[in-house]
Amino acid sequence: MLLAVANVISTTVLAGRSGNAEIFGVVDLNDKTEAQIGPINLGMAIQFVANASVLGYDVRSAMVFYGEPGTPSLRARDCERLWAQFGGALLRP
């Protein structure tokens, strides 16, 4: 069942990778405030969250919202898995 859910998420993300996304819950560790990240495409949002800890951000509470209202948000672990699995394909239109 979990694999089926992961496959549905992967398919949805790949189909919508050029669509708009919003990221919330990322904390800049330098000044301990929530980072203000403007609208970004989904592929770039996944890449950012997957690699943000190296850049000095805390993403434990990060959520990426995308797609139609009601689409499940992505958490940091989802972004790390998707970036590891699809990498640069998420950035292509």
PDB file of N, CA and C in Angstrom:
ATOM      1  N   MET A   1       0.824  -1.191   0.000  1.00  0.00           N
ATOM      2  CA  MET A   1       0.000   0.000   0.000  1.00  0.00           C
ATOM      3  C   MET A   1       0.868   1.256   0.000  1.00  0.00           C
ATOM      4  N   LEU A   2       1.907   1.273   0.842  1.00  0.00           N
ATOM      5  CA  LEU A   2       2.784   2.437   0.921  1.00  0.00           C
ATOM      6  C   LEU A   2       3.494   2.682  -0.397  1.00  0.00           C
ATOM      7  N   LEU A   3       3.906   1.620  -1.078  1.00  0.00           N
ATOM      8  CA  LEU A   3       4.561   1.741  -2.378  1.00  0.00           C
ATOM      9  C   LEU A   3       3.608   2.328  -3.408  1.00  0.00           C
ATOM     10  N   ALA A   4       2.348   1.931  -3.356  1.00  0.00           N
ATOM     11  CA  ALA A   4       1.349   2.467  -4.290  1.00  0.00           C
ATOM     12  C   ALA A   4       1.164   3.956  -4.070  1.00  0.00           C
ATOM     13  N   VAL A   5       1.121   4.388  -2.826  1.00  0.00           N
ATOM     14  CA  VAL A   5       0.985   5.814  -2.511  1.00  0.00           C
ATOM     15  C   VAL A   5       2.209   6.574  -3.007  1.00  0.00           C
ATOM     16  N   ALA A   6       3.401   6.027  -2.800  1.00  0.00           N
ATOM     17  CA  ALA A   6       4.627   6.675  -3.261  1.00  0.00           C
ATOM     18  C   ALA A   6       4.629   6.786  -4.778  1.00  0.00           C
ATOM     19  N   ASN A   7       4.143   5.769  -5.484  1.00  0.00           N
ATOM     20  CA  ASN A   7       4.086   5.820  -6.939  1.00  0.00           C
ATOM     21  C   ASN A   7       3.098   6.870  -7.437  1.00  0.00           C
ATOM     22  N   VAL A   8       1.977   7.014  -6.765  1.00  0.00           N
ATOM     23  CA  VAL A   8       0.995   8.029  -7.138  1.00  0.00           C
ATOM     24  C   VAL A   8       1.584   9.416  -6.931  1.00  0.00           C
ATOM     25  N   ILE A   9       2.264   9.634  -5.819  1.00  0.00           N
ATOM     26  CA  ILE A   9       2.905  10.920  -5.551  1.00  0.00           C
ATOM     27  C   ILE A   9       3.969  11.199  -6.595  1.00  0.00           C
ATOM     28  N   SER A  10       4.796  10.213  -6.909  1.00  0.00           N
ATOM     29  CA  SER A  10       5.850  10.387  -7.907  1.00  0.00           C
ATOM     30  C   SER A  10       5.266  10.759  -9.264  1.00  0.00           C
ATOM     31  N   THR A  11       4.225  10.070  -9.672  1.00  0.00           N
ATOM     32  CA  THR A  11       3.581  10.346 -10.948  1.00  0.00           C
ATOM     33  C   THR A  11       2.988  11.746 -10.963  1.00  0.00           C
ATOM     34  N   THR A  12       2.319  12.130  -9.888  1.00  0.00           N
ATOM     35  CA  THR A  12       1.717  13.458  -9.788  1.00  0.00           C
ATOM     36  C   THR A  12       2.784  14.545  -9.819  1.00  0.00           C
ATOM     37  N   VAL A  13       3.857  14.339  -9.086  1.00  0.00           N
ATOM     38  CA  VAL A  13       4.941  15.326  -9.025  1.00  0.00           C
ATOM     39  C   VAL A  13       5.615  15.478 -10.383  1.00  0.00           C
ATOM     40  N   LEU A  14       5.923  14.368 -11.034  1.00  0.00           N
ATOM     41  CA  LEU A  14       6.572  14.449 -12.345  1.00  0.00           C
ATOM     42  C   LEU A  14       5.678  15.154 -13.365  1.00  0.00           C
ATOM     43  N   ALA A  15       4.396  14.892 -13.311  1.00  0.00           N
ATOM     44  CA  ALA A  15       3.474  15.540 -14.241  1.00  0.00           C
ATOM     45  C   ALA A  15       3.365  17.036 -13.971  1.00  0.00           C
ATOM     46  N   GLY A  16       3.464  17.432 -12.707  1.00  0.00           N
ATOM     47  CA  GLY A  16       3.287  18.840 -12.340  1.00  0.00           C
ATOM     48  C   GLY A  16       4.563  19.566 -11.975  1.00  0.00           C
ATOM     49  N   ARG A  17       5.717  19.023 -12.336  1.00  0.00           N
ATOM     50  CA  ARG A  17       6.999  19.583 -11.899  1.00  0.00           C
ATOM     51  C   ARG A  17       7.229  21.014 -12.343  1.00  0.00           C
ATOM     52  N   SER A  18       6.580  21.460 -13.413  1.00  0.00           N
ATOM     53  CA  SER A  18       6.746  22.844 -13.882  1.00  0.00           C
ATOM     54  C   SER A  18       5.695  23.776 -13.286  1.00  0.00           C
ATOM     55  N   GLY A  19       4.743  23.210 -12.569  1.00  0.00           N
ATOM     56  CA  GLY A  19       3.684  24.009 -11.978  1.00  0.00           C
ATOM     57  C   GLY A  19       4.167  24.777 -10.757  1.00  0.00           C
ATOM     58  N   ASN A  20       3.323  25.669 -10.292  1.00  0.00           N
ATOM     59  CA  ASN A  20       3.661  26.505  -9.135  1.00  0.00           C
ATOM     60  C   ASN A  20       3.604  25.727  -7.832  1.00  0.00           C
ATOM     61  N   ALA A  21       4.471  26.121  -6.921  1.00  0.00           N
ATOM     62  CA  ALA A  21       4.504  25.530  -5.582  1.00  0.00           C
ATOM     63  C   ALA A  21       4.859  26.625  -4.577  1.00  0.00           C
ATOM     64  N   GLU A  22       4.524  26.377  -3.334  1.00  0.00           N
ATOM     65  CA  GLU A  22       4.894  27.272  -2.246  1.00  0.00           C
ATOM     66  C   GLU A  22       5.530  26.436  -1.144  1.00  0.00           C
ATOM     67  N   ILE A  23       6.556  27.016  -0.512  1.00  0.00           N
ATOM     68  CA  ILE A  23       7.277  26.330   0.554  1.00  0.00           C
ATOM     69  C   ILE A  23       7.054  27.094   1.856  1.00  0.00           C
ATOM     70  N   PHE A  24       6.670  26.381   2.883  1.00  0.00           N
ATOM     71  CA  PHE A  24       6.501  26.953   4.213  1.00  0.00           C
ATOM     72  C   PHE A  24       7.252  26.101   5.217  1.00  0.00           C
ATOM     73  N   GLY A  25       7.614  26.697   6.353  1.00  0.00           N
ATOM     74  CA  GLY A  25       8.219  25.952   7.445  1.00  0.00           C
ATOM     75  C   GLY A  25       9.715  25.766   7.364  1.00  0.00           C
ATOM     76  N   VAL A  26      10.390  26.535   6.511  1.00  0.00           N
ATOM     77  CA  VAL A  26      11.848  26.465   6.414  1.00  0.00           C
ATOM     78  C   VAL A  26      12.432  27.564   7.293  1.00  0.00           C
ATOM     79  N   VAL A  27      13.325  27.198   8.200  1.00  0.00           N
ATOM     80  CA  VAL A  27      13.908  28.159   9.135  1.00  0.00           C
ATOM     81  C   VAL A  27      15.354  28.434   8.749  1.00  0.00           C
ATOM     82  N   ASP A  28      15.681  29.712   8.617  1.00  0.00           N
ATOM     83  CA  ASP A  28      17.060  30.136   8.362  1.00  0.00           C
ATOM     84  C   ASP A  28      17.808  30.055   9.684  1.00  0.00           C
ATOM     85  N   LEU A  29      18.796  29.196   9.772  1.00  0.00           N
ATOM     86  CA  LEU A  29      19.507  28.976  11.032  1.00  0.00           C
ATOM     87  C   LEU A  29      20.415  30.145  11.416  1.00  0.00           C
ATOM     88  N   ASN A  30      20.738  31.022  10.466  1.00  0.00           N
ATOM     89  CA  ASN A  30      21.566  32.194  10.790  1.00  0.00           C
ATOM     90  C   ASN A  30      20.822  33.185  11.665  1.00  0.00           C
ATOM     91  N   ASP A  31      19.561  33.455  11.319  1.00  0.00           N
ATOM     92  CA  ASP A  31      18.822  34.456  12.103  1.00  0.00           C
ATOM     93  C   ASP A  31      17.590  33.889  12.805  1.00  0.00           C
ATOM     94  N   LYS A  32      17.428  32.566  12.750  1.00  0.00           N
ATOM     95  CA  LYS A  32      16.355  31.855  13.467  1.00  0.00           C
ATOM     96  C   LYS A  32      14.959  32.350  13.100  1.00  0.00           C
ATOM     97  N   THR A  33      14.749  32.716  11.836  1.00  0.00           N
ATOM     98  CA  THR A  33      13.432  33.148  11.371  1.00  0.00           C
ATOM     99  C   THR A  33      12.999  32.250  10.216  1.00  0.00           C
ATOM    100  N   GLU A  34      11.700  32.235   9.986  1.00  0.00           N
ATOM    101  CA  GLU A  34      11.197  31.453   8.861  1.00  0.00           C
ATOM    102  C   GLU A  34      11.623  32.133   7.567  1.00  0.00           C
ATOM    103  N   ALA A  35      12.207  31.370   6.689  1.00  0.00           N
ATOM    104  CA  ALA A  35      12.655  31.897   5.401  1.00  0.00           C
ATOM    105  C   ALA A  35      11.441  32.240   4.545  1.00  0.00           C
ATOM    106  N   GLN A  36      11.483  33.389   3.918  1.00  0.00           N
ATOM    107  CA  GLN A  36      10.420  33.816   3.028  1.00  0.00           C
ATOM    108  C   GLN A  36      10.804  33.409   1.609  1.00  0.00           C
ATOM    109  N   ILE A  37      10.167  32.371   1.116  1.00  0.00           N
ATOM    110  CA  ILE A  37      10.462  31.853  -0.213  1.00  0.00           C
ATOM    111  C   ILE A  37       9.236  32.117  -1.069  1.00  0.00           C
ATOM    112  N   GLY A  38       9.425  32.902  -2.104  1.00  0.00           N
ATOM    113  CA  GLY A  38       8.318  33.253  -2.986  1.00  0.00           C
ATOM    114  C   GLY A  38       7.851  32.067  -3.805  1.00  0.00           C
ATOM    115  N   PRO A  39       6.824  32.276  -4.618  1.00  0.00           N
ATOM    116  CA  PRO A  39       6.350  31.203  -5.496  1.00  0.00           C
ATOM    117  C   PRO A  39       7.502  30.673  -6.367  1.00  0.00           C
ATOM    118  N   ILE A  40       7.524  29.386  -6.551  1.00  0.00           N
ATOM    119  CA  ILE A  40       8.617  28.712  -7.245  1.00  0.00           C
ATOM    120  C   ILE A  40       8.001  27.501  -7.954  1.00  0.00           C
ATOM    121  N   ASN A  41       8.655  26.990  -8.998  1.00  0.00           N
ATOM    122  CA  ASN A  41       8.054  25.806  -9.618  1.00  0.00           C
ATOM    123  C   ASN A  41       8.335  24.580  -8.744  1.00  0.00           C
ATOM    124  N   LEU A  42       7.520  23.577  -8.914  1.00  0.00           N
ATOM    125  CA  LEU A  42       7.555  22.410  -8.032  1.00  0.00           C
ATOM    126  C   LEU A  42       8.907  21.702  -8.044  1.00  0.00           C
ATOM    127  N   GLY A  43       9.493  21.506  -9.205  1.00  0.00           N
ATOM    128  CA  GLY A  43      10.791  20.837  -9.275  1.00  0.00           C
ATOM    129  C   GLY A  43      11.864  21.570  -8.494  1.00  0.00           C
ATOM    130  N   MET A  44      11.885  22.891  -8.619  1.00  0.00           N
ATOM    131  CA  MET A  44      12.868  23.688  -7.881  1.00  0.00           C
ATOM    132  C   MET A  44      12.582  23.674  -6.382  1.00  0.00           C
ATOM    133  N   ALA A  45      11.301  23.650  -6.014  1.00  0.00           N
ATOM    134  CA  ALA A  45      10.936  23.580  -4.597  1.00  0.00           C
ATOM    135  C   ALA A  45      11.432  22.271  -3.973  1.00  0.00           C
ATOM    136  N   ILE A  46      11.267  21.174  -4.697  1.00  0.00           N
ATOM    137  CA  ILE A  46      11.738  19.875  -4.208  1.00  0.00           C
ATOM    138  C   ILE A  46      13.253  19.884  -4.076  1.00  0.00           C
ATOM    139  N   GLN A  47      13.939  20.413  -5.072  1.00  0.00           N
ATOM    140  CA  GLN A  47      15.402  20.490  -5.018  1.00  0.00           C
ATOM    141  C   GLN A  47      15.851  21.329  -3.826  1.00  0.00           C
ATOM    142  N   PHE A  48      15.208  22.483  -3.616  1.00  0.00           N
ATOM    143  CA  PHE A  48      15.596  23.357  -2.510  1.00  0.00           C
ATOM    144  C   PHE A  48      15.427  22.646  -1.169  1.00  0.00           C
ATOM    145  N   VAL A  49      14.258  22.085  -0.927  1.00  0.00           N
ATOM    146  CA  VAL A  49      14.004  21.440   0.368  1.00  0.00           C
ATOM    147  C   VAL A  49      14.926  20.238   0.564  1.00  0.00           C
ATOM    148  N   ALA A  50      15.172  19.483  -0.485  1.00  0.00           N
ATOM    149  CA  ALA A  50      16.040  18.305  -0.374  1.00  0.00           C
ATOM    150  C   ALA A  50      17.474  18.681  -0.011  1.00  0.00           C
ATOM    151  N   ASN A  51      17.915  19.872  -0.416  1.00  0.00           N
ATOM    152  CA  ASN A  51      19.303  20.275  -0.203  1.00  0.00           C
ATOM    153  C   ASN A  51      19.467  21.439   0.782  1.00  0.00           C
ATOM    154  N   ALA A  52      18.390  21.920   1.343  1.00  0.00           N
ATOM    155  CA  ALA A  52      18.434  23.128   2.173  1.00  0.00           C
ATOM    156  C   ALA A  52      19.258  22.987   3.445  1.00  0.00           C
ATOM    157  N   SER A  53      19.313  21.809   4.023  1.00  0.00           N
ATOM    158  CA  SER A  53      20.065  21.661   5.278  1.00  0.00           C
ATOM    159  C   SER A  53      21.546  21.960   5.063  1.00  0.00           C
ATOM    160  N   VAL A  54      22.065  21.671   3.891  1.00  0.00           N
ATOM    161  CA  VAL A  54      23.469  21.962   3.563  1.00  0.00           C
ATOM    162  C   VAL A  54      23.684  23.474   3.440  1.00  0.00           C
ATOM    163  N   LEU A  55      22.618  24.189   3.094  1.00  0.00           N
ATOM    164  CA  LEU A  55      22.697  25.637   2.890  1.00  0.00           C
ATOM    165  C   LEU A  55      22.413  26.437   4.158  1.00  0.00           C
ATOM    166  N   GLY A  56      22.228  25.765   5.285  1.00  0.00           N
ATOM    167  CA  GLY A  56      22.010  26.454   6.552  1.00  0.00           C
ATOM    168  C   GLY A  56      20.549  26.680   6.899  1.00  0.00           C
ATOM    169  N   TYR A  57      19.683  25.795   6.443  1.00  0.00           N
ATOM    170  CA  TYR A  57      18.260  25.881   6.754  1.00  0.00           C
ATOM    171  C   TYR A  57      17.816  24.643   7.509  1.00  0.00           C
ATOM    172  N   ASP A  58      16.839  24.814   8.379  1.00  0.00           N
ATOM    173  CA  ASP A  58      16.201  23.709   9.082  1.00  0.00           C
ATOM    174  C   ASP A  58      14.897  23.417   8.347  1.00  0.00           C
ATOM    175  N   VAL A  59      14.761  22.218   7.817  1.00  0.00           N
ATOM    176  CA  VAL A  59      13.579  21.869   7.035  1.00  0.00           C
ATOM    177  C   VAL A  59      12.698  20.818   7.725  1.00  0.00           C
ATOM    178  N   ARG A  60      12.922  20.599   9.006  1.00  0.00           N
ATOM    179  CA  ARG A  60      12.133  19.575   9.711  1.00  0.00           C
ATOM    180  C   ARG A  60      10.639  19.837   9.630  1.00  0.00           C
ATOM    181  N   SER A  61      10.232  21.101   9.559  1.00  0.00           N
ATOM    182  CA  SER A  61       8.811  21.445   9.483  1.00  0.00           C
ATOM    183  C   SER A  61       8.379  21.883   8.093  1.00  0.00           C
ATOM    184  N   ALA A  62       9.249  21.702   7.117  1.00  0.00           N
ATOM    185  CA  ALA A  62       8.957  22.188   5.759  1.00  0.00           C
ATOM    186  C   ALA A  62       7.790  21.439   5.129  1.00  0.00           C
ATOM    187  N   MET A  63       6.988  22.197   4.397  1.00  0.00           N
ATOM    188  CA  MET A  63       5.887  21.642   3.628  1.00  0.00           C
ATOM    189  C   MET A  63       5.878  22.339   2.274  1.00  0.00           C
ATOM    190  N   VAL A  64       5.727  21.551   1.215  1.00  0.00           N
ATOM    191  CA  VAL A  64       5.630  22.088  -0.134  1.00  0.00           C
ATOM    192  C   VAL A  64       4.195  21.860  -0.596  1.00  0.00           C
ATOM    193  N   PHE A  65       3.507  22.963  -0.886  1.00  0.00           N
ATOM    194  CA  PHE A  65       2.139  22.898  -1.387  1.00  0.00           C
ATOM    195  C   PHE A  65       2.166  23.097  -2.885  1.00  0.00           C
ATOM    196  N   TYR A  66       1.420  22.268  -3.608  1.00  0.00           N
ATOM    197  CA  TYR A  66       1.394  22.345  -5.068  1.00  0.00           C
ATOM    198  C   TYR A  66       0.067  21.793  -5.565  1.00  0.00           C
ATOM    199  N   GLY A  67      -0.204  22.010  -6.834  1.00  0.00           N
ATOM    200  CA  GLY A  67      -1.384  21.428  -7.469  1.00  0.00           C
ATOM    201  C   GLY A  67      -2.679  22.054  -6.996  1.00  0.00           C
ATOM    202  N   GLU A  68      -3.730  21.332  -7.250  1.00  0.00           N
ATOM    203  CA  GLU A  68      -5.070  21.771  -6.885  1.00  0.00           C
ATOM    204  C   GLU A  68      -5.258  21.718  -5.372  1.00  0.00           C
ATOM    205  N   PRO A  69      -6.141  22.554  -4.843  1.00  0.00           N
ATOM    206  CA  PRO A  69      -6.428  22.469  -3.412  1.00  0.00           C
ATOM    207  C   PRO A  69      -6.840  21.041  -3.043  1.00  0.00           C
ATOM    208  N   GLY A  70      -6.301  20.566  -1.953  1.00  0.00           N
ATOM    209  CA  GLY A  70      -6.573  19.208  -1.505  1.00  0.00           C
ATOM    210  C   GLY A  70      -5.483  18.217  -1.865  1.00  0.00           C
ATOM    211  N   THR A  71      -4.546  18.627  -2.750  1.00  0.00           N
ATOM    212  CA  THR A  71      -3.416  17.760  -3.075  1.00  0.00           C
ATOM    213  C   THR A  71      -2.539  17.658  -1.830  1.00  0.00           C
ATOM    214  N   PRO A  72      -2.163  16.455  -1.422  1.00  0.00           N
ATOM    215  CA  PRO A  72      -1.323  16.329  -0.225  1.00  0.00           C
ATOM    216  C   PRO A  72      -0.005  17.099  -0.379  1.00  0.00           C
ATOM    217  N   SER A  73       0.409  17.753   0.684  1.00  0.00           N
ATOM    218  CA  SER A  73       1.678  18.485   0.649  1.00  0.00           C
ATOM    219  C   SER A  73       2.841  17.507   0.736  1.00  0.00           C
ATOM    220  N   LEU A  74       4.004  17.990   0.332  1.00  0.00           N
ATOM    221  CA  LEU A  74       5.222  17.194   0.439  1.00  0.00           C
ATOM    222  C   LEU A  74       5.988  17.642   1.675  1.00  0.00           C
ATOM    223  N   ARG A  75       6.528  16.715   2.410  1.00  0.00           N
ATOM    224  CA  ARG A  75       7.384  17.000   3.563  1.00  0.00           C
ATOM    225  C   ARG A  75       8.834  16.867   3.139  1.00  0.00           C
ATOM    226  N   ALA A  76       9.756  17.234   4.004  1.00  0.00           N
ATOM    227  CA  ALA A  76      11.185  17.186   3.686  1.00  0.00           C
ATOM    228  C   ALA A  76      11.606  15.788   3.250  1.00  0.00           C
ATOM    229  N   ARG A  77      11.139  14.766   3.925  1.00  0.00           N
ATOM    230  CA  ARG A  77      11.511  13.389   3.582  1.00  0.00           C
ATOM    231  C   ARG A  77      11.023  13.022   2.177  1.00  0.00           C
ATOM    232  N   ASP A  78       9.811  13.498   1.826  1.00  0.00           N
ATOM    233  CA  ASP A  78       9.294  13.259   0.480  1.00  0.00           C
ATOM    234  C   ASP A  78      10.189  13.923  -0.562  1.00  0.00           C
ATOM    235  N   CYS A  79      10.595  15.161  -0.278  1.00  0.00           N
ATOM    236  CA  CYS A  79      11.445  15.904  -1.209  1.00  0.00           C
ATOM    237  C   CYS A  79      12.807  15.233  -1.371  1.00  0.00           C
ATOM    238  N   GLU A  80      13.366  14.759  -0.284  1.00  0.00           N
ATOM    239  CA  GLU A  80      14.658  14.062  -0.361  1.00  0.00           C
ATOM    240  C   GLU A  80      14.546  12.797  -1.206  1.00  0.00           C
ATOM    241  N   ARG A  81      13.482  12.033  -1.007  1.00  0.00           N
ATOM    242  CA  ARG A  81      13.271  10.804  -1.779  1.00  0.00           C
ATOM    243  C   ARG A  81      13.055  11.120  -3.257  1.00  0.00           C
ATOM    244  N   LEU A  82      12.215  12.110  -3.541  1.00  0.00           N
ATOM    245  CA  LEU A  82      11.937  12.462  -4.937  1.00  0.00           C
ATOM    246  C   LEU A  82      13.185  12.996  -5.632  1.00  0.00           C
ATOM    247  N   TRP A  83      13.970  13.826  -4.932  1.00  0.00           N
ATOM    248  CA  TRP A  83      15.192  14.367  -5.532  1.00  0.00           C
ATOM    249  C   TRP A  83      16.204  13.245  -5.788  1.00  0.00           C
ATOM    250  N   ALA A  84      16.335  12.319  -4.852  1.00  0.00           N
ATOM    251  CA  ALA A  84      17.254  11.200  -5.036  1.00  0.00           C
ATOM    252  C   ALA A  84      16.809  10.294  -6.180  1.00  0.00           C
ATOM    253  N   GLN A  85      15.513  10.137  -6.326  1.00  0.00           N
ATOM    254  CA  GLN A  85      14.987   9.241  -7.339  1.00  0.00           C
ATOM    255  C   GLN A  85      14.991   9.856  -8.740  1.00  0.00           C
ATOM    256  N   PHE A  86      14.630  11.153  -8.844  1.00  0.00           N
ATOM    257  CA  PHE A  86      14.444  11.763 -10.157  1.00  0.00           C
ATOM    258  C   PHE A  86      15.433  12.874 -10.487  1.00  0.00           C
ATOM    259  N   GLY A  87      16.055  13.475  -9.475  1.00  0.00           N
ATOM    260  CA  GLY A  87      17.079  14.501  -9.686  1.00  0.00           C
ATOM    261  C   GLY A  87      16.722  15.527 -10.731  1.00  0.00           C
ATOM    262  N   GLY A  88      17.621  15.705 -11.701  1.00  0.00           N
ATOM    263  CA  GLY A  88      17.490  16.742 -12.725  1.00  0.00           C
ATOM    264  C   GLY A  88      16.216  16.651 -13.550  1.00  0.00           C
ATOM    265  N   ALA A  89      15.580  15.489 -13.629  1.00  0.00           N
ATOM    266  CA  ALA A  89      14.330  15.353 -14.378  1.00  0.00           C
ATOM    267  C   ALA A  89      13.246  16.251 -13.785  1.00  0.00           C
ATOM    268  N   LEU A  90      13.336  16.548 -12.500  1.00  0.00           N
ATOM    269  CA  LEU A  90      12.360  17.432 -11.868  1.00  0.00           C
ATOM    270  C   LEU A  90      12.520  18.882 -12.312  1.00  0.00           C
ATOM    271  N   LEU A  91      13.678  19.232 -12.828  1.00  0.00           N
ATOM    272  CA  LEU A  91      13.930  20.610 -13.239  1.00  0.00           C
ATOM    273  C   LEU A  91      13.630  20.849 -14.722  1.00  0.00           C
ATOM    274  N   ARG A  92      13.444  19.787 -15.478  1.00  0.00           N
ATOM    275  CA  ARG A  92      13.151  19.933 -16.905  1.00  0.00           C
ATOM    276  C   ARG A  92      11.690  20.252 -17.105  1.00  0.00           C
ATOM    277  N   PRO A  93      11.390  21.144 -18.065  1.00  0.00           N
ATOM    278  CA  PRO A  93       9.962  21.481 -18.340  1.00  0.00           C
ATOM    279  C   PRO A  93       9.171  20.328 -18.897  1.00  0.00           C
TER     280      PRO A  93
END
